[in-house]
PDB file of N, CA and C in Angstrom:
ATOM      1  N   MET A   1       1.023  -1.228   0.003  1.00  0.00           N
ATOM      2  CA  MET A   1      -0.046   0.133   0.179  1.00  0.00           C
ATOM      3  C   MET A   1       0.555   1.229  -0.175  1.00  0.00           C
ATOM      4  N   GLU A   2       0.591   2.341  -0.652  1.00  0.00           N
ATOM      5  CA  GLU A   2       0.672   3.647  -0.731  1.00  0.00           C
ATOM      6  C   GLU A   2       0.247   4.598  -0.153  1.00  0.00           C
ATOM      7  N   ILE A   3       0.941   5.378   1.075  1.00  0.00           N
ATOM      8  CA  ILE A   3      -0.053   6.565   1.403  1.00  0.00           C
ATOM      9  C   ILE A   3       0.901   7.755   1.466  1.00  0.00           C
ATOM     10  N   LYS A   4       0.038   9.026   0.665  1.00  0.00           N
ATOM     11  CA  LYS A   4       0.081  10.188  -0.143  1.00  0.00           C
ATOM     12  C   LYS A   4       0.094  10.770   0.875  1.00  0.00           C
ATOM     13  N   LYS A   5       0.581  11.952   1.542  1.00  0.00           N
ATOM     14  CA  LYS A   5      -0.131  13.112   2.823  1.00  0.00           C
ATOM     15  C   LYS A   5       0.335  14.136   1.982  1.00  0.00           C
ATOM     16  N   GLU A   6      -1.362  15.151   2.331  1.00  0.00           N
ATOM     17  CA  GLU A   6      -1.537  16.167   2.063  1.00  0.00           C
ATOM     18  C   GLU A   6      -1.355  17.091   3.513  1.00  0.00           C
ATOM     19  N   GLN A   7      -1.209  17.715   3.240  1.00  0.00           N
ATOM     20  CA  GLN A   7      -0.803  18.780   5.180  1.00  0.00           C
ATOM     21  C   GLN A   7      -1.277  19.891   4.512  1.00  0.00           C
ATOM     22  N   ASN A   8      -1.937  21.058   5.376  1.00  0.00           N
ATOM     23  CA  ASN A   8      -2.285  21.719   4.834  1.00  0.00           C
ATOM     24  C   ASN A   8      -3.064  22.741   5.997  1.00  0.00           C
ATOM     25  N   GLY A   9      -1.802  23.103   6.704  1.00  0.00           N
ATOM     26  CA  GLY A   9      -2.362  23.547   8.057  1.00  0.00           C
ATOM     27  C   GLY A   9      -2.699  22.845   9.018  1.00  0.00           C
ATOM     28  N   ALA A  10      -3.716  22.536   9.626  1.00  0.00           N
ATOM     29  CA  ALA A  10      -4.250  22.290  10.755  1.00  0.00           C
ATOM     30  C   ALA A  10      -5.289  20.318  10.221  1.00  0.00           C
ATOM     31  N   SER A  11      -4.934  20.689   8.821  1.00  0.00           N
ATOM     32  CA  SER A  11      -5.718  20.012   8.103  1.00  0.00           C
ATOM     33  C   SER A  11      -4.680  18.745   7.220  1.00  0.00           C
ATOM     34  N   LEU A  12      -5.109  17.452   7.096  1.00  0.00           N
ATOM     35  CA  LEU A  12      -4.550  16.822   6.712  1.00  0.00           C
ATOM     36  C   LEU A  12      -5.201  15.303   5.891  1.00  0.00           C
ATOM     37  N   THR A  13      -4.683  14.840   4.707  1.00  0.00           N
ATOM     38  CA  THR A  13      -5.187  13.850   4.003  1.00  0.00           C
ATOM     39  C   THR A  13      -4.567  13.254   3.899  1.00  0.00           C
ATOM     40  N   LEU A  14      -5.001  11.960   3.745  1.00  0.00           N
ATOM     41  CA  LEU A  14      -4.230  10.403   3.696  1.00  0.00           C
ATOM     42  C   LEU A  14      -4.381  10.005   2.735  1.00  0.00           C
ATOM     43  N   ALA A  15      -4.033   9.760   1.646  1.00  0.00           N
ATOM     44  CA  ALA A  15      -4.192   9.178   0.665  1.00  0.00           C
ATOM     45  C   ALA A  15      -3.914   7.630   0.186  1.00  0.00           C
ATOM     46  N   LEU A  16      -4.830   6.202   0.421  1.00  0.00           N
ATOM     47  CA  LEU A  16      -4.292   4.900   0.454  1.00  0.00           C
ATOM     48  C   LEU A  16      -4.433   4.399  -1.102  1.00  0.00           C
ATOM     49  N   THR A  17      -3.389   4.274  -1.393  1.00  0.00           N
ATOM     50  CA  THR A  17      -3.403   3.217  -2.680  1.00  0.00           C
ATOM     51  C   THR A  17      -3.626   1.490  -2.353  1.00  0.00           C
ATOM     52  N   GLY A  18      -4.456   0.798  -3.037  1.00  0.00           N
ATOM     53  CA  GLY A  18      -3.868  -0.848  -3.042  1.00  0.00           C
ATOM     54  C   GLY A  18      -4.826  -1.263  -2.143  1.00  0.00           C
ATOM     55  N   ARG A  19      -3.639  -1.877  -0.895  1.00  0.00           N
ATOM     56  CA  ARG A  19      -4.753  -2.967   0.114  1.00  0.00           C
ATOM     57  C   ARG A  19      -4.374  -2.552   1.342  1.00  0.00           C
ATOM     58  N   LEU A  20      -5.194  -2.272   2.598  1.00  0.00           N
ATOM     59  CA  LEU A  20      -5.130  -2.165   3.598  1.00  0.00           C
ATOM     60  C   LEU A  20      -5.280  -3.607   4.589  1.00  0.00           C
ATOM     61  N   ASP A  21      -4.422  -4.051   5.132  1.00  0.00           N
ATOM     62  CA  ASP A  21      -4.484  -5.610   5.184  1.00  0.00           C
ATOM     63  C   ASP A  21      -2.774  -5.251   6.416  1.00  0.00           C
ATOM     64  N   ALA A  22      -2.844  -6.937   6.640  1.00  0.00           N
ATOM     65  CA  ALA A  22      -1.944  -6.962   8.054  1.00  0.00           C
ATOM     66  C   ALA A  22      -1.097  -6.268   8.049  1.00  0.00           C
ATOM     67  N   VAL A  23      -0.760  -6.685   6.384  1.00  0.00           N
ATOM     68  CA  VAL A  23       0.851  -5.978   5.468  1.00  0.00           C
ATOM     69  C   VAL A  23       1.144  -4.800   6.346  1.00  0.00           C
ATOM     70  N   SER A  24       0.083  -4.003   5.550  1.00  0.00           N
ATOM     71  CA  SER A  24       0.431  -2.387   5.222  1.00  0.00           C
ATOM     72  C   SER A  24      -0.146  -1.928   7.101  1.00  0.00           C
ATOM     73  N   ALA A  25      -0.995  -2.098   7.285  1.00  0.00           N
ATOM     74  CA  ALA A  25      -1.735  -1.670   8.316  1.00  0.00           C
ATOM     75  C   ALA A  25      -0.911  -0.989   9.641  1.00  0.00           C
ATOM     76  N   PRO A  26       0.441  -1.610   9.982  1.00  0.00           N
ATOM     77  CA  PRO A  26       1.159  -0.934  10.649  1.00  0.00           C
ATOM     78  C   PRO A  26       2.168   0.216  10.588  1.00  0.00           C
ATOM     79  N   ASP A  27       1.893   0.360   8.687  1.00  0.00           N
ATOM     80  CA  ASP A  27       2.899   1.572   8.162  1.00  0.00           C
ATOM     81  C   ASP A  27       1.805   3.057   8.439  1.00  0.00           C
ATOM     82  N   LEU A  28       0.232   2.512   8.255  1.00  0.00           N
ATOM     83  CA  LEU A  28      -0.686   3.549   8.125  1.00  0.00           C
ATOM     84  C   LEU A  28      -1.113   4.114   9.584  1.00  0.00           C
ATOM     85  N   ASP A  29      -0.510   2.464  10.878  1.00  0.00           N
ATOM     86  CA  ASP A  29      -0.376   2.677  12.272  1.00  0.00           C
ATOM     87  C   ASP A  29       0.394   3.986  12.467  1.00  0.00           C
ATOM     88  N   LYS A  30       1.493   4.488  12.306  1.00  0.00           N
ATOM     89  CA  LYS A  30       2.838   5.187  12.614  1.00  0.00           C
ATOM     90  C   LYS A  30       2.739   6.246  11.751  1.00  0.00           C
ATOM     91  N   VAL A  31       1.701   6.770  10.964  1.00  0.00           N
ATOM     92  CA  VAL A  31       0.938   7.662  10.403  1.00  0.00           C
ATOM     93  C   VAL A  31       0.253   8.378  11.226  1.00  0.00           C
ATOM     94  N   VAL A  32      -0.135   7.985  11.870  1.00  0.00           N
ATOM     95  CA  VAL A  32      -1.573   8.299  12.096  1.00  0.00           C
ATOM     96  C   VAL A  32      -1.207   8.475  13.852  1.00  0.00           C
ATOM     97  N   GLN A  33      -0.023   7.427  14.657  1.00  0.00           N
ATOM     98  CA  GLN A  33       0.265   7.824  15.625  1.00  0.00           C
ATOM     99  C   GLN A  33       1.330   8.931  15.917  1.00  0.00           C
ATOM    100  N   ASN A  34       1.949   8.998  14.784  1.00  0.00           N
ATOM    101  CA  ASN A  34       3.150  10.260  14.690  1.00  0.00           C
ATOM    102  C   ASN A  34       2.699  11.054  14.104  1.00  0.00           C
ATOM    103  N   GLU A  35       1.872  11.277  13.460  1.00  0.00           N
ATOM    104  CA  GLU A  35       2.018  12.808  12.277  1.00  0.00           C
ATOM    105  C   GLU A  35       0.003  13.432  12.831  1.00  0.00           C
ATOM    106  N   LEU A  36      -0.061  13.044  13.614  1.00  0.00           N
ATOM    107  CA  LEU A  36      -1.636  13.604  13.939  1.00  0.00           C
ATOM    108  C   LEU A  36      -1.513  14.870  15.301  1.00  0.00           C
ATOM    109  N   GLY A  37      -0.300  15.033  15.578  1.00  0.00           N
ATOM    110  CA  GLY A  37      -0.618  16.103  16.487  1.00  0.00           C
ATOM    111  C   GLY A  37      -0.684  17.967  15.643  1.00  0.00           C
ATOM    112  N   GLY A  38      -1.147  18.285  16.125  1.00  0.00           N
ATOM    113  CA  GLY A  38      -2.015  19.346  16.315  1.00  0.00           C
ATOM    114  C   GLY A  38      -2.490  19.611  14.702  1.00  0.00           C
ATOM    115  N   ILE A  39      -3.217  19.012  14.574  1.00  0.00           N
ATOM    116  CA  ILE A  39      -4.412  18.131  13.080  1.00  0.00           C
ATOM    117  C   ILE A  39      -5.575  18.270  13.765  1.00  0.00           C
ATOM    118  N   THR A  40      -6.346  18.747  13.369  1.00  0.00           N
ATOM    119  CA  THR A  40      -7.983  19.134  13.760  1.00  0.00           C
ATOM    120  C   THR A  40      -8.710  18.317  12.476  1.00  0.00           C
ATOM    121  N   GLU A  41      -8.574  18.637  11.692  1.00  0.00           N
ATOM    122  CA  GLU A  41      -9.395  17.349  10.389  1.00  0.00           C
ATOM    123  C   GLU A  41      -8.264  16.787   9.943  1.00  0.00           C
ATOM    124  N   LEU A  42      -8.789  15.367   9.224  1.00  0.00           N
ATOM    125  CA  LEU A  42      -7.741  14.220   8.912  1.00  0.00           C
ATOM    126  C   LEU A  42      -9.033  13.776   8.280  1.00  0.00           C
ATOM    127  N   THR A  43      -8.732  13.592   6.685  1.00  0.00           N
ATOM    128  CA  THR A  43      -9.036  13.011   5.093  1.00  0.00           C
ATOM    129  C   THR A  43      -8.933  12.285   5.054  1.00  0.00           C
ATOM    130  N   PHE A  44      -9.334  10.975   5.306  1.00  0.00           N
ATOM    131  CA  PHE A  44      -8.770   9.930   4.419  1.00  0.00           C
ATOM    132  C   PHE A  44      -9.891   9.357   2.957  1.00  0.00           C
ATOM    133  N   ASP A  45      -8.355  10.126   1.791  1.00  0.00           N
ATOM    134  CA  ASP A  45      -9.372   9.543   0.403  1.00  0.00           C
ATOM    135  C   ASP A  45      -8.723   8.032   0.370  1.00  0.00           C
ATOM    136  N   PHE A  46     -10.240   7.159  -0.332  1.00  0.00           N
ATOM    137  CA  PHE A  46      -9.556   5.899  -0.167  1.00  0.00           C
ATOM    138  C   PHE A  46     -10.448   5.681  -1.769  1.00  0.00           C
ATOM    139  N   THR A  47      -9.879   6.791  -3.036  1.00  0.00           N
ATOM    140  CA  THR A  47      -9.855   6.617  -4.549  1.00  0.00           C
ATOM    141  C   THR A  47      -9.104   5.414  -4.643  1.00  0.00           C
ATOM    142  N   GLU A  48      -8.218   5.355  -4.215  1.00  0.00           N
ATOM    143  CA  GLU A  48      -7.571   3.797  -4.954  1.00  0.00           C
ATOM    144  C   GLU A  48      -7.263   2.981  -3.648  1.00  0.00           C
ATOM    145  N   LEU A  49      -7.914   2.969  -2.813  1.00  0.00           N
ATOM    146  CA  LEU A  49      -8.029   1.503  -1.769  1.00  0.00           C
ATOM    147  C   LEU A  49      -8.807   0.607  -2.331  1.00  0.00           C
ATOM    148  N   VAL A  50      -8.478  -0.289  -2.651  1.00  0.00           N
ATOM    149  CA  VAL A  50      -9.095  -1.785  -2.854  1.00  0.00           C
ATOM    150  C   VAL A  50      -9.786  -2.439  -2.231  1.00  0.00           C
ATOM    151  N   TYR A  51      -9.361  -2.622  -0.762  1.00  0.00           N
ATOM    152  CA  TYR A  51      -9.250  -3.592   0.022  1.00  0.00           C
ATOM    153  C   TYR A  51      -9.183  -3.224   0.745  1.00  0.00           C
ATOM    154  N   VAL A  52      -9.958  -3.692   2.355  1.00  0.00           N
ATOM    155  CA  VAL A  52      -9.696  -3.687   4.163  1.00  0.00           C
ATOM    156  C   VAL A  52     -10.046  -4.610   4.660  1.00  0.00           C
ATOM    157  N   ALA A  53      -8.719  -4.940   5.377  1.00  0.00           N
ATOM    158  CA  ALA A  53      -9.392  -5.885   6.492  1.00  0.00           C
ATOM    159  C   ALA A  53      -9.311  -5.385   7.790  1.00  0.00           C
ATOM    160  N   SER A  54      -9.281  -6.492   8.288  1.00  0.00           N
ATOM    161  CA  SER A  54      -9.318  -6.131  10.231  1.00  0.00           C
ATOM    162  C   SER A  54      -8.466  -5.396  10.782  1.00  0.00           C
ATOM    163  N   ALA A  55      -7.105  -5.290  10.747  1.00  0.00           N
ATOM    164  CA  ALA A  55      -6.170  -4.555  10.944  1.00  0.00           C
ATOM    165  C   ALA A  55      -6.190  -3.622  10.339  1.00  0.00           C
ATOM    166  N   GLY A  56      -6.605  -3.219   8.995  1.00  0.00           N
ATOM    167  CA  GLY A  56      -6.674  -1.641   8.519  1.00  0.00           C
ATOM    168  C   GLY A  56      -7.717  -1.085   9.708  1.00  0.00           C
ATOM    169  N   LEU A  57      -8.876  -1.942   9.244  1.00  0.00           N
ATOM    170  CA  LEU A  57     -10.045  -1.346  10.380  1.00  0.00           C
ATOM    171  C   LEU A  57      -9.798  -1.041  11.840  1.00  0.00           C
ATOM    172  N   ARG A  58      -9.167  -1.462  12.314  1.00  0.00           N
ATOM    173  CA  ARG A  58      -8.232  -1.488  13.587  1.00  0.00           C
ATOM    174  C   ARG A  58      -7.360  -0.086  13.402  1.00  0.00           C
ATOM    175  N   VAL A  59      -6.737  -0.128  12.506  1.00  0.00           N
ATOM    176  CA  VAL A  59      -6.121   1.397  12.350  1.00  0.00           C
ATOM    177  C   VAL A  59      -7.029   2.499  12.233  1.00  0.00           C
ATOM    178  N   LEU A  60      -7.488   2.349  11.674  1.00  0.00           N
ATOM    179  CA  LEU A  60      -9.281   3.478  11.143  1.00  0.00           C
ATOM    180  C   LEU A  60      -9.849   3.823  12.472  1.00  0.00           C
ATOM    181  N   LEU A  61     -10.322   2.519  13.657  1.00  0.00           N
ATOM    182  CA  LEU A  61     -10.502   2.828  14.567  1.00  0.00           C
ATOM    183  C   LEU A  61      -9.674   3.848  15.674  1.00  0.00           C
ATOM    184  N   LEU A  62      -8.578   3.236  15.701  1.00  0.00           N
ATOM    185  CA  LEU A  62      -7.676   4.155  16.363  1.00  0.00           C
ATOM    186  C   LEU A  62      -7.754   6.195  16.162  1.00  0.00           C
ATOM    187  N   ALA A  63      -7.716   5.391  15.139  1.00  0.00           N
ATOM    188  CA  ALA A  63      -7.903   7.306  14.479  1.00  0.00           C
ATOM    189  C   ALA A  63      -9.120   8.178  14.614  1.00  0.00           C
ATOM    190  N   GLN A  64     -10.094   7.683  14.427  1.00  0.00           N
ATOM    191  CA  GLN A  64     -11.163   8.217  15.034  1.00  0.00           C
ATOM    192  C   GLN A  64     -10.789   7.831  16.248  1.00  0.00           C
ATOM    193  N   LYS A  65     -10.944   7.348  16.980  1.00  0.00           N
ATOM    194  CA  LYS A  65     -11.097   7.730  18.619  1.00  0.00           C
ATOM    195  C   LYS A  65     -10.106   8.977  18.748  1.00  0.00           C
ATOM    196  N   ARG A  66      -8.810   8.879  18.341  1.00  0.00           N
ATOM    197  CA  ARG A  66      -7.530  10.190  18.157  1.00  0.00           C
ATOM    198  C   ARG A  66      -8.525  11.065  17.888  1.00  0.00           C
ATOM    199  N   MET A  67      -8.814  11.746  17.325  1.00  0.00           N
ATOM    200  CA  MET A  67      -9.952  12.360  16.124  1.00  0.00           C
ATOM    201  C   MET A  67     -10.617  13.424  16.989  1.00  0.00           C
ATOM    202  N   LYS A  68     -11.796  12.321  17.659  1.00  0.00           N
ATOM    203  CA  LYS A  68     -12.547  12.406  18.314  1.00  0.00           C
ATOM    204  C   LYS A  68     -12.189  13.623  19.011  1.00  0.00           C
ATOM    205  N   LYS A  69     -11.606  13.538  19.594  1.00  0.00           N
ATOM    206  CA  LYS A  69     -10.634  14.443  20.952  1.00  0.00           C
ATOM    207  C   LYS A  69      -9.951  16.261  20.788  1.00  0.00           C
ATOM    208  N   GLN A  70      -9.799  15.926  18.824  1.00  0.00           N
ATOM    209  CA  GLN A  70      -8.668  16.636  18.895  1.00  0.00           C
ATOM    210  C   GLN A  70      -9.155  17.690  17.795  1.00  0.00           C
ATOM    211  N   GLY A  71     -10.799  17.228  16.905  1.00  0.00           N
ATOM    212  CA  GLY A  71     -11.134  16.742  16.196  1.00  0.00           C
ATOM    213  C   GLY A  71     -12.016  16.843  15.014  1.00  0.00           C
ATOM    214  N   MET A  72     -11.873  16.258  13.749  1.00  0.00           N
ATOM    215  CA  MET A  72     -13.121  15.442  12.967  1.00  0.00           C
ATOM    216  C   MET A  72     -11.817  14.311  11.902  1.00  0.00           C
ATOM    217  N   MET A  73     -12.972  13.382  11.437  1.00  0.00           N
ATOM    218  CA  MET A  73     -12.577  12.914  10.739  1.00  0.00           C
ATOM    219  C   MET A  73     -13.718  11.659   9.628  1.00  0.00           C
ATOM    220  N   LYS A  74     -12.536  11.915   8.143  1.00  0.00           N
ATOM    221  CA  LYS A  74     -13.709  11.219   7.111  1.00  0.00           C
ATOM    222  C   LYS A  74     -12.945  10.734   6.050  1.00  0.00           C
ATOM    223  N   LEU A  75     -14.007  10.127   5.504  1.00  0.00           N
ATOM    224  CA  LEU A  75     -13.429   9.098   4.365  1.00  0.00           C
ATOM    225  C   LEU A  75     -14.026   9.961   3.531  1.00  0.00           C
ATOM    226  N   ILE A  76     -13.233   9.906   2.503  1.00  0.00           N
ATOM    227  CA  ILE A  76     -13.956  10.169   1.256  1.00  0.00           C
ATOM    228  C   ILE A  76     -13.633   9.321   0.127  1.00  0.00           C
ATOM    229  N   HIS A  77     -14.229   9.089  -1.228  1.00  0.00           N
ATOM    230  CA  HIS A  77     -14.351   8.486  -2.139  1.00  0.00           C
ATOM    231  C   HIS A  77     -14.059   6.793  -2.041  1.00  0.00           C
ATOM    232  N   VAL A  78     -14.980   6.614  -1.135  1.00  0.00           N
ATOM    233  CA  VAL A  78     -14.883   5.308  -0.796  1.00  0.00           C
ATOM    234  C   VAL A  78     -16.220   4.436  -1.819  1.00  0.00           C
ATOM    235  N   SER A  79     -15.168   3.150  -2.267  1.00  0.00           N
ATOM    236  CA  SER A  79     -15.409   1.745  -2.912  1.00  0.00           C
ATOM    237  C   SER A  79     -16.825   1.880  -3.256  1.00  0.00           C
ATOM    238  N   PRO A  80     -17.659   0.535  -3.513  1.00  0.00           N
ATOM    239  CA  PRO A  80     -18.813  -0.003  -2.896  1.00  0.00           C
ATOM    240  C   PRO A  80     -18.349  -1.586  -2.464  1.00  0.00           C
ATOM    241  N   ASP A  81     -17.401  -2.272  -2.518  1.00  0.00           N
ATOM    242  CA  ASP A  81     -16.546  -3.163  -1.994  1.00  0.00           C
ATOM    243  C   ASP A  81     -15.823  -2.818  -0.659  1.00  0.00           C
ATOM    244  N   VAL A  82     -15.511  -1.752  -0.268  1.00  0.00           N
ATOM    245  CA  VAL A  82     -14.663  -0.775   0.850  1.00  0.00           C
ATOM    246  C   VAL A  82     -16.223  -0.894   1.775  1.00  0.00           C
ATOM    247  N   LYS A  83     -16.623  -0.224   1.308  1.00  0.00           N
ATOM    248  CA  LYS A  83     -18.111   0.762   1.481  1.00  0.00           C
ATOM    249  C   LYS A  83     -19.091  -0.734   2.830  1.00  0.00           C
ATOM    250  N   ASP A  84     -19.298  -2.076   1.776  1.00  0.00           N
ATOM    251  CA  ASP A  84     -19.484  -3.125   2.218  1.00  0.00           C
ATOM    252  C   ASP A  84     -18.902  -3.671   3.245  1.00  0.00           C
ATOM    253  N   VAL A  85     -17.457  -3.686   3.712  1.00  0.00           N
ATOM    254  CA  VAL A  85     -17.198  -3.854   4.864  1.00  0.00           C
ATOM    255  C   VAL A  85     -17.337  -3.328   5.349  1.00  0.00           C
ATOM    256  N   LEU A  86     -17.140  -2.190   5.089  1.00  0.00           N
ATOM    257  CA  LEU A  86     -17.305  -0.708   7.182  1.00  0.00           C
ATOM    258  C   LEU A  86     -18.585  -1.292   7.006  1.00  0.00           C
ATOM    259  N   GLU A  87     -19.897  -1.708   6.372  1.00  0.00           N
ATOM    260  CA  GLU A  87     -21.125  -2.267   6.667  1.00  0.00           C
ATOM    261  C   GLU A  87     -20.827  -3.258   7.270  1.00  0.00           C
ATOM    262  N   MET A  88     -20.696  -3.776   6.892  1.00  0.00           N
ATOM    263  CA  MET A  88     -20.335  -5.529   7.615  1.00  0.00           C
ATOM    264  C   MET A  88     -20.397  -5.550   9.230  1.00  0.00           C
ATOM    265  N   THR A  89     -19.287  -4.764   9.095  1.00  0.00           N
ATOM    266  CA  THR A  89     -18.110  -4.551  10.472  1.00  0.00           C
ATOM    267  C   THR A  89     -19.246  -3.969  11.263  1.00  0.00           C
ATOM    268  N   GLY A  90     -19.747  -2.724  10.571  1.00  0.00           N
ATOM    269  CA  GLY A  90     -20.748  -1.669  12.170  1.00  0.00           C
ATOM    270  C   GLY A  90     -19.585  -0.352  12.140  1.00  0.00           C
ATOM    271  N   PHE A  91     -18.984  -0.449  11.329  1.00  0.00           N
ATOM    272  CA  PHE A  91     -17.723   0.503  11.393  1.00  0.00           C
ATOM    273  C   PHE A  91     -18.818   2.208  10.400  1.00  0.00           C
ATOM    274  N   ILE A  92     -19.270   1.749   9.760  1.00  0.00           N
ATOM    275  CA  ILE A  92     -20.436   2.398   9.025  1.00  0.00           C
ATOM    276  C   ILE A  92     -20.532   3.138   9.773  1.00  0.00           C
ATOM    277  N   ASP A  93     -21.392   3.269  11.374  1.00  0.00           N
ATOM    278  CA  ASP A  93     -21.790   3.514  11.878  1.00  0.00           C
ATOM    279  C   ASP A  93     -21.388   4.665  12.743  1.00  0.00           C
ATOM    280  N   PHE A  94     -20.226   4.401  12.696  1.00  0.00           N
ATOM    281  CA  PHE A  94     -19.401   5.591  13.545  1.00  0.00           C
ATOM    282  C   PHE A  94     -18.157   6.394  12.592  1.00  0.00           C
ATOM    283  N   LEU A  95     -18.374   6.024  12.007  1.00  0.00           N
ATOM    284  CA  LEU A  95     -17.511   6.448  10.615  1.00  0.00           C
ATOM    285  C   LEU A  95     -18.011   7.487   9.955  1.00  0.00           C
ATOM    286  N   THR A  96     -17.477   9.056   9.443  1.00  0.00           N
ATOM    287  CA  THR A  96     -17.932   9.758   9.182  1.00  0.00           C
ATOM    288  C   THR A  96     -17.609   9.768   7.269  1.00  0.00           C
ATOM    289  N   ILE A  97     -18.722   9.840   6.359  1.00  0.00           N
ATOM    290  CA  ILE A  97     -17.808   9.706   4.571  1.00  0.00           C
ATOM    291  C   ILE A  97     -18.980   9.919   4.415  1.00  0.00           C
ATOM    292  N   GLU A  98     -17.930  10.895   3.590  1.00  0.00           N
ATOM    293  CA  GLU A  98     -18.699  11.644   2.236  1.00  0.00           C
ATOM    294  C   GLU A  98     -18.033  11.036   0.831  1.00  0.00           C
ATOM    295  N   GLU A  99     -19.154  11.238  -0.183  1.00  0.00           N
ATOM    296  CA  GLU A  99     -19.033  10.660  -1.250  1.00  0.00           C
ATOM    297  C   GLU A  99     -18.217  11.547  -2.170  1.00  0.00           C
TER     298      GLU A  99
END
């Protein structure tokens, strides 16, 4: 998976390409742990994300918990396949998803 970061002031966009699975989730976890200081708006751009596994969902959950304390988080451009996983796991109920 590739992670592209774009920061504009207190806003950070992470564009993910490929698969968010057990192999790639630790890379995203490092970004979430190390680069959210001072960020009040976190956006995950899933335009090029084709798959998310449980390890990836865990990282999204941790990011959501952190951003709930310091701002807001949203997902954009979520594919139908990834959205299905979010619905089946109940993540769709607490994540903000914009088209």
